[in-house]
Amino acid sequence: MDRLLYVSMTGAKHNAMAQGVLSNNLANVSTVGFKQDFAQARSMQVFGDSYPSRVYGLAEHPGTDFTKGPLTQTGQALDVSIHDQGFIAVEDAEGNEAYTRDGAMHVDVMGILRLASGIAVAGDAGPIFIPPFERLQIASDGNISIRAVGQPSESLIEVNRIKLVNPRVDEIAKGEDGLFRRMDDLIEEPDASVGLVSGALETSNVNSVDAMVQILSLSRQFELSVKMMKTAEENDQTVQRLVQVS
């Protein structure tokens, strides 16, 4: 009897965990540069002092889907997307280097180039400062050029370069803030092969229909596991009544 209860309990628990992963994916279907997380289930034996005869369901998050999302043309000079592989380097809330595919940028009142979330974009030596300008353009190699206030229309000067990196995807992991970091805490070197597309943003790679179908499937599995737990309880009560009668 306890085997039925244990299997159904662990099944319900891990189904709920998998639903959490997929719900987070669905919630970020419109987040720029978002990469969906995988959720998979497999059977896992229970090892201990005795023979591993019990098996329960295990839901796990094996990694992130790095498939490129569709591009949306915006025509904005401060909107960029990665051409193929690679990431934009940023400084997280603690001042450490992290990586993202989000290219929706703006210049704050202090002249610091930031993402829409407020995270500072990293340049050759820390956050990128941009002087007051009348025109700005970002080249495919990440170079930022401006026409300063009061300068002739043909006068463009380079002020900084966005740090572009291309780490191996098996060496980075997504944090709770949605940013990627190297798992060995090292700093990734710039990669000249990474290119940008100006005036476009990469949208999320989440398929909302597929995510919803998976959530509904997991919900039905969760309900089935709960029913099994209820059945185990009813069977246990029946056994107790039979023992009392005998």
Protein backbone atom coordinates (compact mmCIF):
# COMPACT_ATOMS: atom_id res chain seq x y z
CA MET A 1 0.00 0.00 0.00
CA ASP A 2 2.76 2.45 0.87
CA ARG A 3 4.30 1.88 -2.57
CA LEU A 4 1.17 3.17 -4.31
CA LEU A 5 1.03 6.19 -2.02
CA TYR A 6 4.73 6.97 -2.49
CA VAL A 7 4.65 6.68 -6.27
CA SER A 8 1.54 8.84 -6.58
CA MET A 9 2.87 11.44 -4.13
CA THR A 10 6.20 11.84 -5.94
CA GLY A 11 4.40 11.93 -9.28
CA ALA A 12 2.18 14.79 -8.13
CA LYS A 13 5.12 16.67 -6.65
CA HIS A 14 7.27 16.53 -9.78
CA ASN A 15 4.33 17.24 -12.09
CA ALA A 16 3.78 20.44 -10.14
CA MET A 17 7.47 21.33 -10.52
CA ALA A 18 7.33 20.76 -14.29
CA GLN A 19 4.20 22.92 -14.51
CA GLY A 20 6.14 25.70 -12.80
CA VAL A 21 8.87 25.59 -15.45
CA LEU A 22 6.38 25.63 -18.33
CA SER A 23 4.28 28.36 -16.69
CA ASN A 24 7.38 30.54 -16.45
CA ASN A 25 8.04 29.93 -20.15
CA LEU A 26 4.48 30.90 -21.01
CA ALA A 27 4.66 34.03 -18.84
CA ASN A 28 7.71 35.17 -20.84
CA VAL A 29 6.28 34.54 -24.30
CA SER A 30 6.56 38.28 -25.07
CA THR A 31 9.87 38.90 -23.26
CA VAL A 32 12.59 40.10 -25.64
CA GLY A 33 15.44 37.61 -26.02
CA PHE A 34 13.91 35.06 -23.62
CA LYS A 35 15.03 31.43 -23.99
CA GLN A 36 12.62 28.77 -22.80
CA ASP A 37 13.63 26.15 -20.25
CA PHE A 38 13.23 22.44 -20.84
CA ALA A 39 11.22 20.22 -18.50
CA GLN A 40 11.39 16.45 -18.76
CA ALA A 41 10.28 13.45 -16.71
CA ARG A 42 11.92 10.09 -16.18
CA SER A 43 11.69 7.12 -13.83
CA MET A 44 14.11 6.99 -10.89
CA GLN A 45 14.83 4.01 -8.67
CA VAL A 46 14.98 4.49 -4.92
CA PHE A 47 18.35 3.28 -3.67
CA GLY A 48 18.98 2.44 -0.03
CA ASP A 49 19.90 -0.42 2.28
CA SER A 50 17.53 -2.81 0.53
CA TYR A 51 17.04 -3.87 -3.10
CA PRO A 52 15.97 -0.85 -5.27
CA SER A 53 12.55 -2.24 -6.14
CA ARG A 54 10.69 1.05 -5.93
CA VAL A 55 10.57 3.53 -8.80
CA TYR A 56 9.11 7.01 -8.77
CA GLY A 57 8.64 9.80 -11.28
CA LEU A 58 11.26 12.53 -11.45
CA ALA A 59 10.74 15.84 -13.25
CA GLU A 60 13.90 17.81 -13.94
CA HIS A 61 15.15 20.91 -15.69
CA PRO A 62 17.92 19.62 -17.95
CA GLY A 63 18.79 22.94 -19.53
CA THR A 64 17.72 25.80 -21.77
CA ASP A 65 16.57 25.88 -25.37
CA PHE A 66 18.99 28.21 -27.19
CA THR A 67 17.07 28.15 -30.46
CA LYS A 68 16.98 31.62 -31.99
CA GLY A 69 13.65 33.41 -31.72
CA PRO A 70 11.97 35.35 -34.56
CA LEU A 71 13.17 38.88 -35.32
CA THR A 72 10.90 41.90 -35.10
CA GLN A 73 11.90 45.01 -37.04
CA THR A 74 11.54 48.17 -34.96
CA GLY A 75 13.66 50.70 -36.85
CA GLN A 76 14.95 52.08 -33.55
CA ALA A 77 18.66 52.88 -33.42
CA LEU A 78 19.03 51.49 -29.90
CA ASP A 79 17.31 48.18 -30.69
CA VAL A 80 19.72 45.41 -31.68
CA SER A 81 19.65 41.64 -31.98
CA ILE A 82 22.35 39.00 -32.26
CA HIS A 83 22.79 37.93 -35.90
CA ASP A 84 23.34 34.24 -35.18
CA GLN A 85 25.13 32.81 -32.14
CA GLY A 86 26.39 34.81 -29.18
CA PHE A 87 25.32 37.11 -26.38
CA ILE A 88 25.47 40.72 -25.26
CA ALA A 89 27.53 41.23 -22.10
CA VAL A 90 25.88 43.19 -19.28
CA GLU A 91 26.51 43.98 -15.61
CA ASP A 92 23.96 42.45 -13.24
CA ALA A 93 22.54 44.07 -10.11
CA GLU A 94 25.65 43.03 -8.14
CA GLY A 95 28.09 44.42 -10.71
CA ASN A 96 29.10 41.01 -12.07
CA GLU A 97 29.26 40.17 -15.76
CA ALA A 98 26.34 38.27 -17.25
CA TYR A 99 25.01 37.62 -20.74
CA THR A 100 21.71 38.12 -22.53
CA ARG A 101 20.06 38.08 -25.95
CA ASP A 102 17.89 41.08 -25.00
CA GLY A 103 18.85 44.02 -27.19
CA ALA A 104 16.17 46.57 -26.24
CA MET A 105 18.40 49.39 -24.98
CA HIS A 106 18.11 53.01 -23.94
CA VAL A 107 20.35 55.77 -22.59
CA ASP A 108 19.43 56.93 -19.08
CA VAL A 109 19.64 60.48 -17.73
CA MET A 110 23.26 59.86 -16.68
CA GLY A 111 24.27 58.79 -20.17
CA ILE A 112 24.63 55.08 -19.27
CA LEU A 113 23.50 52.56 -21.89
CA ARG A 114 21.03 50.17 -20.27
CA LEU A 115 18.52 47.46 -21.14
CA ALA A 116 14.83 48.11 -20.64
CA SER A 117 15.13 46.24 -17.33
CA GLY A 118 17.71 48.76 -16.08
CA ILE A 119 20.75 46.45 -16.41
CA ALA A 120 23.85 48.28 -17.67
CA VAL A 121 25.29 47.12 -21.00
CA ALA A 122 28.99 46.25 -20.80
CA GLY A 123 31.60 47.79 -23.06
CA ASP A 124 35.37 47.56 -23.39
CA ALA A 125 35.89 48.59 -19.77
CA GLY A 126 32.69 48.42 -17.77
CA PRO A 127 29.37 50.17 -18.38
CA ILE A 128 29.02 52.21 -21.56
CA PHE A 129 28.77 56.00 -21.16
CA ILE A 130 27.41 57.94 -24.13
CA PRO A 131 27.79 61.75 -24.32
CA PRO A 132 24.81 63.90 -25.38
CA PHE A 133 24.08 63.21 -29.04
CA GLU A 134 21.81 64.14 -31.91
CA ARG A 135 22.30 60.89 -33.80
CA LEU A 136 23.45 57.43 -32.76
CA GLN A 137 24.18 54.27 -34.69
CA ILE A 138 25.38 50.82 -33.69
CA ALA A 139 27.46 48.88 -36.18
CA SER A 140 27.30 45.14 -36.71
CA ASP A 141 30.53 44.68 -34.69
CA GLY A 142 29.05 46.52 -31.68
CA ASN A 143 30.82 49.85 -32.28
CA ILE A 144 28.71 52.81 -31.12
CA SER A 145 29.07 56.04 -33.08
CA ILE A 146 27.37 59.34 -32.36
CA ARG A 147 27.00 62.80 -33.82
CA ALA A 148 27.52 65.05 -30.84
CA VAL A 149 25.22 67.96 -30.13
CA GLY A 150 26.06 70.91 -32.39
CA GLN A 151 28.38 68.94 -34.70
CA PRO A 152 28.07 68.78 -38.52
CA SER A 153 25.75 66.11 -39.94
CA GLU A 154 28.64 64.10 -41.40
CA SER A 155 30.64 64.15 -38.18
CA LEU A 156 30.43 60.75 -36.47
CA ILE A 157 32.77 59.66 -33.68
CA GLU A 158 33.12 56.24 -32.06
CA VAL A 159 32.50 56.38 -28.32
CA ASN A 160 32.54 52.74 -27.23
CA ARG A 161 31.89 49.17 -28.27
CA ILE A 162 29.31 46.73 -26.94
CA LYS A 163 31.02 43.62 -25.61
CA LEU A 164 29.84 40.63 -27.62
CA VAL A 165 30.68 37.09 -26.50
CA ASN A 166 30.04 33.58 -27.72
CA PRO A 167 30.45 31.11 -24.83
CA ARG A 168 29.74 27.43 -25.21
CA VAL A 169 26.13 26.82 -24.23
CA ASP A 170 27.12 23.86 -22.05
CA GLU A 171 29.33 26.19 -19.98
CA ILE A 172 26.64 28.73 -19.08
CA ALA A 173 23.48 28.55 -16.99
CA LYS A 174 20.45 30.81 -16.58
CA GLY A 175 19.97 32.57 -13.27
CA GLU A 176 16.71 33.50 -11.56
CA ASP A 177 17.00 36.98 -13.11
CA GLY A 178 16.94 35.48 -16.62
CA LEU A 179 20.60 36.33 -17.31
CA PHE A 180 23.20 33.74 -18.29
CA ARG A 181 26.53 33.29 -16.53
CA ARG A 182 29.50 31.01 -16.87
CA MET A 183 29.21 28.10 -14.44
CA ASP A 184 32.92 28.42 -13.58
CA ASP A 185 32.47 32.15 -12.71
CA LEU A 186 35.12 33.17 -15.27
CA ILE A 187 34.81 36.20 -17.54
CA GLU A 188 34.16 35.43 -21.19
CA GLU A 189 36.49 37.05 -23.70
CA PRO A 190 35.01 39.19 -26.53
CA ASP A 191 34.38 37.36 -29.79
CA ALA A 192 34.78 39.30 -33.03
CA SER A 193 32.70 36.74 -34.93
CA VAL A 194 29.50 37.77 -33.12
CA GLY A 195 27.49 40.28 -35.11
CA LEU A 196 24.53 42.55 -34.46
CA VAL A 197 21.46 43.48 -36.48
CA SER A 198 20.50 47.09 -35.86
CA GLY A 199 16.87 48.20 -35.65
CA ALA A 200 15.52 44.74 -34.75
CA LEU A 201 14.75 42.72 -31.64
CA GLU A 202 14.80 38.97 -31.10
CA THR A 203 11.54 37.81 -29.59
CA SER A 204 11.03 34.89 -27.24
CA ASN A 205 11.50 31.38 -28.64
CA VAL A 206 8.52 30.09 -26.61
CA ASN A 207 5.72 28.48 -28.60
CA SER A 208 2.68 29.52 -26.58
CA VAL A 209 0.39 26.83 -28.03
CA ASP A 210 2.89 24.05 -27.35
CA ALA A 211 3.54 25.33 -23.81
CA MET A 212 -0.18 25.47 -23.06
CA VAL A 213 -0.74 21.91 -24.36
CA GLN A 214 2.10 20.62 -22.16
CA ILE A 215 0.71 22.43 -19.11
CA LEU A 216 -2.75 20.92 -19.66
CA SER A 217 -1.20 17.45 -20.06
CA LEU A 218 0.75 17.86 -16.82
CA SER A 219 -2.39 19.10 -15.08
CA ARG A 220 -4.24 15.93 -16.03
CA GLN A 221 -1.31 13.82 -14.81
CA PHE A 222 -1.32 15.74 -11.52
CA GLU A 223 -5.05 15.07 -11.06
CA LEU A 224 -4.48 11.37 -11.76
CA SER A 225 -1.72 11.22 -9.14
CA VAL A 226 -3.99 12.88 -6.58
CA LYS A 227 -6.73 10.34 -7.36
CA MET A 228 -4.22 7.52 -6.82
CA MET A 229 -3.33 9.02 -3.43
CA LYS A 230 -7.03 9.14 -2.56
CA THR A 231 -7.45 5.53 -3.70
CA ALA A 232 -4.50 4.46 -1.53
CA GLU A 233 -6.11 6.16 1.46
CA GLU A 234 -9.46 4.47 0.82
CA ASN A 235 -7.79 1.07 0.43
CA ASP A 236 -5.94 1.59 3.70
CA GLN A 237 -9.18 2.46 5.50
CA THR A 238 -10.84 -0.66 4.06
CA VAL A 239 -7.99 -2.86 5.29
CA GLN A 240 -8.27 -1.35 8.77
CA ARG A 241 -12.00 -2.09 8.90
CA LEU A 242 -11.40 -5.70 7.82
CA VAL A 243 -8.77 -6.14 10.52
CA GLN A 244 -11.11 -4.72 13.15
CA VAL A 245 -13.91 -7.09 12.08
CA SER A 246 -11.64 -10.15 12.16
